[in-house]
Amino acid sequence: MIILSFLPALLLGEETRELSLRSAIDSALQNNYGIIIQQISTDISEEQNTWGTTGALPSISFVGTGSEGFAFNDLDQQETTSLNASVNLNWTIFRGFSARISKEKLNELEKLSEGSLNIIVENTLISVMNTYYQALLNLEYIDIGNELVGLSEDRNIYEEEKTRLGASGTYNLLQAKNAFLEDKSKLLSAQATYRASIRQLNYLMGVDLDQEYQLTEAFESGEEQYDLATLEERMLGNNHTLQNQYLNLKMAELDVRQAKSGYYPTLSMGASGGYGSSETVYDTNTSLNSSMENWNTNLSVSLSYTIYNGGVRKQGLQVARLQEKITGVQTLEMKQEMKMTLRQELDFYQVRQEQLKLAEENLGAARLNMELSRERYQNGTINSFNYRDVQQIYMNAAVQFQNAKFSVIESYNAILRLTGGIIDEFST
C-alpha cells in the first residue's frame, strides 16, 4: 500500500513540492498562455487609443526633389540643375464630430479588451480551482482504493490460510483473489486519473507538465448561506461578461452617432511652404546662362458637404439604429439568462449541501456495516459473496460522499464566478 501510494512520484522521478491553491492561481496568472495573449491584445488596444488614430490631428509632410538635365545640338550644349523643397500641412478641422466619436469608441474598445482579459482570467481561475479540487478528489479515490485493496488482501490471505488448513475450498480462494485483483486494478486507474489531473493543472499554470506536487489544501466544502437578492445585485453590478455587454451597447450607441456625423459638412485646411531653384549653363553661348530661385507659401481652406449620395448615408444611419436595438435586446436577454442561471446554481448549491449530509450519513452506516460484516465473515456467519457485496456498498458510499463534496465546491465556484467575485478574491 505504501509503494502504491508513492507510485506516481516513483514512476516519473520528479521532485515533489508543496502546492497550495493560492500558489497554483498565482502561477496561472503569471504563466497561463491565454492570459498572456489577451494581455498583449489589451496592450495593443491601449497603444491604438490615441487622437492620432482618429485622424483629428494634422499631418505634416516634406517633399524634396532635385534634377540634372542635359541638352545637345550642333551649335551648343546646355546643362540645367533644379532643386525644389516644400513642407505641406493638411488638417481636417471638422467632420461632424467624427474624430471625437472615434476617440470615444477607442476608449470603449480599450475597456472591452480589458473586460475580455478579465473574462479569460475568470475562466482560467475557475479551471485551476476545479482542476485542483479534482486532483484532491482523485487522491480521495486513491485512499478509498488503498483501503479496499487492504481489505481484499486481508481476505485473500485469510482464504489462503483456510485453504491450506483444509477449512475452505479453491473456489472461495479464487473469489477472494479475483476481488483483490479487481480492487488493485481500480486503484491503478485512480492513480492514472490523478496524474492526468496534475498534468492538466500544470498546463493551466504554464509550468513543466511532469512536475509533481503535494497538494496542501484540505478537500473540504463550505457551508455558505446566500441571499438571492444580494447575489443578484452583485451579479448585475460585477459580472464581467455582462459588463462587456454594456460596453457593446455603448459601442452601438456610438455607431449611431458616427452615422449621424455624415450629415455634417467637412471643413479642412492646408498650408505649404517651399523653396525652388533652377540654373541653366551653356558651354558656348554663356550669355544665355540663367539662374533663378524662389520661395513660395500657400494657404487653403475648403468646405464640402454631401447633398445626396444615393441614400447610402440614410441607409447607414438606419442600420446603425437597428443594430443598437438588437444589442439592447441582447443585453436584456443576457441579464435575464444570468438571473435564471444564478437561481439554478443557487438551487444546485443548496440541494447539493443536503445531498452531502445524506452521503455522509450513508457513508457512516456503510462503514459500520462493513466492520460488522468483516467480523461475521471471519466467524463464518456470512459467506464471501455477502462480504464482497458489503465491500462494494462501502466503496460506492465513499465515492458518493467525495463526489458530493466536489459538487458543492463546483456550485460554490459557479456562484462566485456569476457574481464577479473570483478576481476580487484571488487575483492581485
Protein backbone atom coordinates (compact mmCIF):
# COMPACT_ATOMS: atom_id res chain seq x y z
CA MET A 1 0.00 0.00 0.00
CA ILE A 2 2.86 2.39 0.80
CA ILE A 3 4.56 1.64 -2.52
CA LEU A 4 1.32 2.14 -4.45
CA SER A 5 0.64 5.48 -2.75
CA PHE A 6 4.02 6.80 -3.90
CA LEU A 7 3.83 5.17 -7.34
CA PRO A 8 3.28 8.41 -9.36
CA ALA A 9 6.42 10.04 -7.95
CA LEU A 10 8.43 6.84 -8.33
CA LEU A 11 7.41 6.43 -11.97
CA LEU A 12 8.08 9.99 -13.00
CA GLY A 13 11.16 10.57 -10.91
CA GLU A 14 10.31 14.25 -10.45
CA GLU A 15 10.92 16.34 -7.39
CA THR A 16 7.72 16.75 -5.39
CA ARG A 17 6.95 20.12 -3.83
CA GLU A 18 4.06 21.55 -1.89
CA LEU A 19 1.35 23.38 -3.82
CA SER A 20 -1.47 25.41 -2.35
CA LEU A 21 -4.45 26.65 -4.31
CA ARG A 22 -3.20 30.22 -3.96
CA SER A 23 0.20 29.26 -5.39
CA ALA A 24 -1.45 27.47 -8.31
CA ILE A 25 -3.52 30.56 -9.06
CA ASP A 26 -0.51 32.88 -8.82
CA SER A 27 1.39 30.69 -11.26
CA ALA A 28 -1.54 30.65 -13.70
CA LEU A 29 -1.92 34.43 -13.53
CA GLN A 30 1.73 34.82 -14.47
CA ASN A 31 2.24 31.98 -16.97
CA ASN A 32 -1.10 30.92 -18.48
CA TYR A 33 -0.88 31.20 -22.26
CA GLY A 34 -4.40 32.56 -22.78
CA ILE A 35 -3.87 35.30 -20.19
CA ILE A 36 -0.52 36.32 -21.71
CA ILE A 37 -2.00 36.54 -25.22
CA GLN A 38 -5.00 38.58 -24.10
CA GLN A 39 -2.76 40.87 -22.05
CA ILE A 40 -0.77 41.62 -25.21
CA SER A 41 -4.02 42.31 -27.06
CA THR A 42 -5.02 44.71 -24.30
CA ASP A 43 -1.68 46.49 -24.64
CA ILE A 44 -2.32 46.82 -28.38
CA SER A 45 -5.71 48.41 -27.71
CA GLU A 46 -4.07 50.83 -25.30
CA GLU A 47 -1.42 51.77 -27.87
CA GLN A 48 -4.06 52.40 -30.52
CA ASN A 49 -6.16 54.63 -28.26
CA THR A 50 -4.72 57.99 -29.40
CA TRP A 51 -6.08 61.09 -31.08
CA GLY A 52 -3.75 60.44 -33.96
CA THR A 53 -5.59 57.20 -34.76
CA THR A 54 -8.87 59.10 -35.11
CA GLY A 55 -7.48 61.49 -37.75
CA ALA A 56 -8.12 64.54 -35.56
CA LEU A 57 -4.52 65.74 -35.71
CA PRO A 58 -2.91 67.40 -38.74
CA SER A 59 -0.43 65.65 -40.98
CA ILE A 60 2.86 67.32 -41.99
CA SER A 61 4.99 66.10 -44.84
CA PHE A 62 8.22 67.15 -46.51
CA VAL A 63 8.88 66.76 -50.23
CA GLY A 64 12.29 67.38 -51.81
CA THR A 65 13.32 66.87 -55.44
CA GLY A 66 16.45 67.50 -57.45
CA SER A 67 17.20 67.04 -61.14
CA GLU A 68 20.05 67.41 -63.59
CA GLY A 69 19.27 67.83 -67.29
CA PHE A 70 21.46 67.90 -70.41
CA ALA A 71 20.64 69.09 -73.96
CA PHE A 72 22.91 68.63 -77.02
CA ASN A 73 22.75 70.16 -80.53
CA ASP A 74 25.17 71.02 -83.35
CA LEU A 75 25.84 74.56 -82.08
CA ASP A 76 25.88 74.27 -78.34
CA GLN A 77 25.03 72.16 -75.32
CA GLN A 78 23.41 73.10 -72.07
CA GLU A 79 23.08 71.79 -68.51
CA THR A 80 20.12 72.59 -66.26
CA THR A 81 20.12 71.98 -62.49
CA SER A 82 16.96 72.36 -60.39
CA LEU A 83 16.18 71.91 -56.71
CA ASN A 84 12.77 72.03 -55.03
CA ALA A 85 11.73 71.53 -51.43
CA SER A 86 8.38 72.03 -49.69
CA VAL A 87 6.68 71.41 -46.35
CA ASN A 88 2.95 70.63 -46.52
CA LEU A 89 0.35 70.65 -43.77
CA ASN A 90 -3.12 69.12 -44.13
CA TRP A 91 -5.73 69.20 -41.39
CA THR A 92 -9.37 68.24 -41.34
CA ILE A 93 -10.69 70.68 -38.76
CA PHE A 94 -14.28 69.47 -38.60
CA ARG A 95 -16.13 66.45 -39.97
CA GLY A 96 -19.27 66.24 -37.92
CA PHE A 97 -17.67 65.35 -34.55
CA SER A 98 -16.44 62.12 -36.14
CA ALA A 99 -12.98 62.35 -34.58
CA ARG A 100 -14.39 62.83 -31.09
CA ILE A 101 -16.76 59.90 -31.56
CA SER A 102 -13.91 57.76 -32.84
CA LYS A 103 -11.89 58.60 -29.73
CA GLU A 104 -14.80 57.56 -27.53
CA LYS A 105 -15.02 54.29 -29.46
CA LEU A 106 -11.31 53.70 -28.91
CA ASN A 107 -11.84 54.28 -25.19
CA GLU A 108 -14.64 51.71 -25.16
CA LEU A 109 -12.58 49.25 -27.22
CA GLU A 110 -9.78 49.50 -24.67
CA LYS A 111 -12.26 48.85 -21.87
CA LEU A 112 -13.72 45.97 -23.88
CA SER A 113 -10.28 44.46 -24.28
CA GLU A 114 -9.68 44.79 -20.55
CA GLY A 115 -13.07 43.17 -19.96
CA SER A 116 -12.11 40.28 -22.24
CA LEU A 117 -8.91 39.90 -20.20
CA ASN A 118 -10.99 39.74 -17.03
CA ILE A 119 -13.20 37.04 -18.56
CA ILE A 120 -10.17 34.97 -19.58
CA VAL A 121 -8.72 35.41 -16.10
CA GLU A 122 -12.04 34.25 -14.62
CA ASN A 123 -12.16 31.21 -16.90
CA THR A 124 -8.57 30.36 -16.02
CA LEU A 125 -9.14 30.74 -12.29
CA ILE A 126 -12.26 28.56 -12.45
CA SER A 127 -10.35 25.92 -14.40
CA VAL A 128 -7.44 26.00 -11.94
CA MET A 129 -9.74 25.77 -8.93
CA ASN A 130 -11.84 22.93 -10.33
CA THR A 131 -8.78 21.05 -11.58
CA TYR A 132 -7.02 21.48 -8.22
CA TYR A 133 -10.02 20.09 -6.35
CA GLN A 134 -10.45 17.40 -9.00
CA ALA A 135 -6.91 16.29 -8.17
CA LEU A 136 -7.83 16.27 -4.47
CA LEU A 137 -10.90 14.21 -5.33
CA ASN A 138 -8.71 11.74 -7.19
CA LEU A 139 -6.48 11.50 -4.12
CA GLU A 140 -9.58 10.58 -2.12
CA TYR A 141 -10.32 7.90 -4.72
CA ILE A 142 -6.78 6.60 -4.21
CA ASP A 143 -7.28 6.49 -0.43
CA ILE A 144 -10.54 4.59 -0.90
CA GLY A 145 -8.77 2.26 -3.33
CA ASN A 146 -5.92 1.67 -0.89
CA GLU A 147 -8.38 0.83 1.87
CA LEU A 148 -10.28 -1.63 -0.33
CA VAL A 149 -7.06 -3.21 -1.57
CA GLY A 150 -6.02 -3.70 2.04
CA LEU A 151 -9.33 -5.34 2.90
CA SER A 152 -9.23 -7.53 -0.21
CA GLU A 153 -5.66 -8.54 0.54
CA ASP A 154 -6.58 -9.49 4.11
CA ARG A 155 -9.48 -11.53 2.75
CA ASN A 156 -7.20 -13.20 0.21
CA ILE A 157 -4.63 -14.07 2.88
CA TYR A 158 -7.42 -15.34 5.13
CA GLU A 159 -8.78 -17.61 2.37
CA GLU A 160 -5.28 -18.87 1.57
CA GLU A 161 -4.79 -19.83 5.20
CA LYS A 162 -8.16 -21.56 5.36
CA THR A 163 -7.40 -23.46 2.15
CA ARG A 164 -4.02 -24.51 3.49
CA LEU A 165 -5.70 -25.83 6.63
CA GLY A 166 -8.41 -27.55 4.59
CA ALA A 167 -11.20 -25.40 6.05
CA SER A 168 -12.11 -23.85 2.68
CA GLY A 169 -12.11 -24.77 -0.97
CA THR A 170 -10.31 -23.45 -4.01
CA TYR A 171 -13.49 -21.73 -5.22
CA ASN A 172 -13.57 -19.31 -2.28
CA LEU A 173 -9.86 -18.66 -2.69
CA LEU A 174 -10.33 -17.77 -6.35
CA GLN A 175 -13.18 -15.41 -5.49
CA ALA A 176 -11.00 -13.66 -2.92
CA LYS A 177 -8.10 -13.39 -5.35
CA ASN A 178 -10.34 -12.01 -8.13
CA ALA A 179 -11.70 -9.38 -5.76
CA PHE A 180 -8.17 -8.41 -4.74
CA LEU A 181 -7.03 -8.07 -8.36
CA GLU A 182 -10.14 -6.09 -9.27
CA ASP A 183 -9.61 -3.61 -6.44
CA LYS A 184 -5.95 -3.29 -7.31
CA SER A 185 -6.85 -2.52 -10.93
CA LYS A 186 -9.28 0.20 -9.81
CA LEU A 187 -6.56 1.68 -7.63
CA LEU A 188 -4.16 1.86 -10.56
CA SER A 189 -6.85 3.57 -12.66
CA ALA A 190 -7.42 6.11 -9.89
CA GLN A 191 -3.69 6.85 -9.77
CA ALA A 192 -3.57 7.34 -13.54
CA THR A 193 -6.54 9.73 -13.34
CA TYR A 194 -4.78 11.67 -10.60
CA ARG A 195 -1.64 12.05 -12.71
CA ALA A 196 -3.77 13.28 -15.63
CA SER A 197 -5.38 15.93 -13.43
CA ILE A 198 -1.95 17.09 -12.25
CA ARG A 199 -0.76 17.39 -15.84
CA GLN A 200 -3.86 19.45 -16.66
CA LEU A 201 -3.13 21.65 -13.66
CA ASN A 202 0.47 22.13 -14.81
CA TYR A 203 -0.77 23.10 -18.27
CA LEU A 204 -3.09 25.73 -16.80
CA MET A 205 -0.25 27.07 -14.65
CA GLY A 206 2.12 27.19 -17.63
CA VAL A 207 4.82 25.05 -15.97
CA ASP A 208 6.56 21.72 -16.61
CA LEU A 209 3.87 19.11 -17.32
CA ASP A 210 5.73 16.41 -15.36
CA GLN A 211 6.07 18.39 -12.14
CA GLU A 212 4.61 16.52 -9.16
CA TYR A 213 3.09 18.11 -6.05
CA GLN A 214 1.98 17.52 -2.54
CA LEU A 215 -1.36 19.34 -2.52
CA THR A 216 -1.74 21.22 0.75
CA GLU A 217 -5.41 22.25 0.63
CA ALA A 218 -7.94 20.20 2.55
CA PHE A 219 -10.67 18.60 0.45
CA GLU A 220 -13.50 20.29 2.27
CA SER A 221 -16.61 22.12 1.09
CA GLY A 222 -18.02 25.23 2.72
CA GLU A 223 -21.50 25.87 4.04
CA GLU A 224 -22.16 29.39 2.84
CA GLN A 225 -25.62 30.87 3.28
CA TYR A 226 -26.66 33.07 0.37
CA ASP A 227 -29.42 35.60 -0.15
CA LEU A 228 -30.77 35.63 -3.71
CA ALA A 229 -31.46 39.38 -3.83
CA THR A 230 -27.93 40.18 -2.64
CA LEU A 231 -26.37 37.77 -5.13
CA GLU A 232 -28.44 39.18 -7.99
CA GLU A 233 -27.50 42.76 -7.19
CA ARG A 234 -23.83 41.77 -7.00
CA MET A 235 -24.07 39.88 -10.30
CA LEU A 236 -25.69 42.75 -12.22
CA GLY A 237 -23.01 45.13 -10.98
CA ASN A 238 -19.88 42.96 -11.13
CA ASN A 239 -20.29 40.17 -13.67
CA HIS A 240 -17.59 40.75 -16.30
CA THR A 241 -19.47 39.15 -19.17
CA LEU A 242 -22.40 41.45 -18.50
CA GLN A 243 -20.06 44.43 -18.16
CA ASN A 244 -18.67 43.65 -21.60
CA GLN A 245 -22.19 43.55 -22.99
CA TYR A 246 -22.84 47.01 -21.55
CA LEU A 247 -19.74 48.17 -23.44
CA ASN A 248 -21.09 46.59 -26.64
CA LEU A 249 -24.30 48.55 -26.12
CA LYS A 250 -22.31 51.76 -25.68
CA MET A 251 -20.41 50.95 -28.89
CA ALA A 252 -23.71 50.55 -30.74
CA GLU A 253 -24.82 53.97 -29.49
CA LEU A 254 -21.55 55.46 -30.74
CA ASP A 255 -22.09 53.82 -34.14
CA VAL A 256 -25.41 55.67 -34.40
CA ARG A 257 -23.70 58.95 -33.58
CA GLN A 258 -20.98 58.15 -36.10
CA ALA A 259 -23.60 57.57 -38.79
CA LYS A 260 -25.24 60.91 -37.94
CA SER A 261 -21.94 62.71 -38.41
CA GLY A 262 -22.26 62.04 -42.14
CA TYR A 263 -24.96 64.74 -42.30
CA TYR A 264 -22.48 67.44 -41.26
CA PRO A 265 -20.14 69.32 -43.60
CA THR A 266 -16.39 68.78 -43.65
CA LEU A 267 -14.03 71.68 -43.06
CA SER A 268 -10.36 71.26 -43.85
CA MET A 269 -7.34 73.45 -44.39
CA GLY A 270 -3.95 73.14 -45.96
CA ALA A 271 -0.74 75.10 -45.83
CA SER A 272 2.55 74.71 -47.60
CA GLY A 273 5.86 76.50 -47.94
CA GLY A 274 8.74 75.73 -50.22
CA TYR A 275 11.93 76.72 -51.93
CA GLY A 276 12.89 76.26 -55.56
CA SER A 277 15.97 76.98 -57.65
CA SER A 278 16.93 76.46 -61.26
CA GLU A 279 20.24 77.10 -63.09
CA THR A 280 20.99 76.70 -66.82
CA VAL A 281 24.58 76.79 -68.15
CA TYR A 282 25.63 76.86 -71.84
CA ASP A 283 29.07 75.76 -72.99
CA THR A 284 29.38 78.28 -75.85
CA ASN A 285 26.74 80.96 -75.57
CA THR A 286 27.43 81.78 -71.97
CA SER A 287 25.39 84.95 -72.32
CA LEU A 288 22.32 82.73 -72.22
CA ASN A 289 23.21 81.37 -68.81
CA SER A 290 20.46 81.89 -66.27
CA SER A 291 19.68 81.14 -62.66
CA MET A 292 16.56 81.58 -60.58
CA GLU A 293 15.40 80.85 -57.05
CA ASN A 294 12.14 81.47 -55.25
CA TRP A 295 10.31 80.98 -52.00
CA ASN A 296 6.60 80.20 -52.03
CA THR A 297 3.83 79.79 -49.49
CA ASN A 298 0.27 78.65 -49.88
CA LEU A 299 -2.78 78.57 -47.58
CA SER A 300 -6.09 76.94 -48.48
CA VAL A 301 -9.42 76.34 -46.76
CA SER A 302 -12.11 74.04 -48.13
CA LEU A 303 -15.67 73.32 -47.09
CA SER A 304 -17.54 70.33 -48.51
CA TYR A 305 -20.99 68.90 -47.95
CA THR A 306 -22.58 65.80 -49.43
CA ILE A 307 -26.03 66.77 -50.63
CA TYR A 308 -27.06 63.36 -51.95
CA ASN A 309 -25.23 60.07 -52.28
CA GLY A 310 -27.94 57.68 -53.40
CA GLY A 311 -29.39 57.15 -49.92
CA VAL A 312 -26.29 55.45 -48.59
CA ARG A 313 -25.96 57.90 -45.71
CA LYS A 314 -29.58 57.41 -44.63
CA GLN A 315 -29.28 53.66 -45.00
CA GLY A 316 -26.18 53.59 -42.81
CA LEU A 317 -27.98 55.54 -40.08
CA GLN A 318 -31.00 53.22 -40.17
CA VAL A 319 -28.80 50.12 -39.99
CA ALA A 320 -26.89 51.58 -37.02
CA ARG A 321 -30.14 52.28 -35.18
CA LEU A 322 -31.45 48.78 -35.84
CA GLN A 323 -28.15 47.29 -34.67
CA GLU A 324 -28.43 49.36 -31.49
CA LYS A 325 -31.89 47.86 -30.89
CA ILE A 326 -30.52 44.35 -31.44
CA THR A 327 -27.71 44.97 -28.95
CA GLY A 328 -30.22 46.36 -26.44
CA VAL A 329 -32.39 43.25 -26.74
CA GLN A 330 -29.33 41.02 -26.44
CA THR A 331 -28.38 42.86 -23.25
CA LEU A 332 -31.84 42.31 -21.76
CA GLU A 333 -31.71 38.65 -22.79
CA MET A 334 -28.27 38.20 -21.22
CA LYS A 335 -29.42 39.77 -17.95
CA GLN A 336 -32.48 37.53 -17.85
CA GLU A 337 -30.44 34.45 -18.72
CA MET A 338 -27.93 35.23 -15.98
CA LYS A 339 -30.72 35.72 -13.45
CA MET A 340 -32.07 32.30 -14.39
CA THR A 341 -28.61 30.72 -14.22
CA LEU A 342 -27.99 32.29 -10.80
CA ARG A 343 -31.22 30.83 -9.46
CA GLN A 344 -30.35 27.41 -10.83
CA GLU A 345 -26.84 27.48 -9.38
CA LEU A 346 -28.17 28.61 -6.02
CA ASP A 347 -30.70 25.76 -6.06
CA PHE A 348 -27.96 23.31 -7.01
CA TYR A 349 -25.76 24.59 -4.20
CA GLN A 350 -28.48 24.22 -1.57
CA VAL A 351 -29.59 20.80 -2.82
CA ARG A 352 -26.02 19.54 -3.04
CA GLN A 353 -25.37 20.62 0.54
CA GLU A 354 -28.30 18.47 1.63
CA GLN A 355 -27.09 15.61 -0.56
CA LEU A 356 -23.66 15.91 1.08
CA LYS A 357 -25.21 15.46 4.52
CA LEU A 358 -27.12 12.40 3.32
CA ALA A 359 -24.00 10.97 1.68
CA GLU A 360 -22.07 11.45 4.94
CA GLU A 361 -24.74 9.58 6.91
CA ASN A 362 -24.81 6.85 4.28
CA LEU A 363 -21.03 6.51 4.44
CA GLY A 364 -21.12 6.19 8.22
CA ALA A 365 -23.71 3.43 8.01
CA ALA A 366 -21.80 1.65 5.23
CA ARG A 367 -18.56 1.79 7.24
CA LEU A 368 -20.22 0.35 10.33
CA ASN A 369 -21.88 -2.34 8.23
CA MET A 370 -18.54 -3.30 6.72
CA GLU A 371 -16.84 -3.53 10.11
CA LEU A 372 -19.60 -5.77 11.42
CA SER A 373 -19.61 -7.86 8.24
CA ARG A 374 -15.88 -8.37 8.49
CA GLU A 375 -16.27 -9.90 11.93
CA ARG A 376 -19.17 -12.04 10.76
CA TYR A 377 -17.23 -13.19 7.72
CA GLN A 378 -14.28 -14.28 9.85
CA ASN A 379 -16.70 -16.00 12.22
CA GLY A 380 -18.34 -17.82 9.32
CA THR A 381 -21.74 -16.17 9.84
CA ILE A 382 -21.82 -14.77 6.27
CA ASN A 383 -20.17 -16.09 3.13
CA SER A 384 -17.61 -14.40 0.91
CA PHE A 385 -20.24 -13.21 -1.57
CA ASN A 386 -22.15 -11.33 1.12
CA TYR A 387 -18.93 -9.83 2.42
CA ARG A 388 -17.93 -8.72 -1.08
CA ASP A 389 -21.33 -7.08 -1.56
CA VAL A 390 -20.85 -5.13 1.65
CA GLN A 391 -17.41 -4.01 0.46
CA GLN A 392 -18.92 -2.77 -2.79
CA ILE A 393 -21.63 -0.88 -0.91
CA TYR A 394 -19.00 0.79 1.25
CA MET A 395 -16.88 1.71 -1.76
CA ASN A 396 -19.88 3.23 -3.57
CA ALA A 397 -20.88 5.17 -0.45
CA ALA A 398 -17.34 6.51 -0.02
CA VAL A 399 -17.17 7.58 -3.67
CA GLN A 400 -20.60 9.20 -3.49
CA PHE A 401 -19.57 11.14 -0.40
CA GLN A 402 -16.44 12.51 -2.05
CA ASN A 403 -18.36 13.30 -5.24
CA ALA A 404 -20.96 15.16 -3.19
CA LYS A 405 -18.24 17.34 -1.64
CA PHE A 406 -16.81 18.10 -5.07
CA SER A 407 -20.27 19.02 -6.39
CA VAL A 408 -20.72 21.53 -3.57
CA ILE A 409 -17.32 23.05 -4.37
CA GLU A 410 -18.25 23.31 -8.06
CA SER A 411 -21.52 25.07 -7.23
CA TYR A 412 -19.74 27.47 -4.91
CA ASN A 413 -17.23 28.34 -7.65
CA ALA A 414 -20.04 28.82 -10.18
CA ILE A 415 -21.83 31.28 -7.89
CA LEU A 416 -18.57 33.07 -7.20
CA ARG A 417 -17.97 33.45 -10.92
CA LEU A 418 -21.51 34.62 -11.73
CA THR A 419 -21.32 37.35 -9.12
CA GLY A 420 -17.92 38.53 -10.33
CA GLY A 421 -16.15 37.68 -7.09
CA ILE A 422 -13.38 35.38 -8.32
CA ILE A 423 -10.99 38.09 -9.45
CA ASP A 424 -11.61 40.11 -6.29
CA GLU A 425 -10.92 37.06 -4.11
CA PHE A 426 -7.93 35.53 -5.86
CA SER A 427 -6.19 37.96 -8.22
CA THR A 428 -3.95 40.85 -7.30
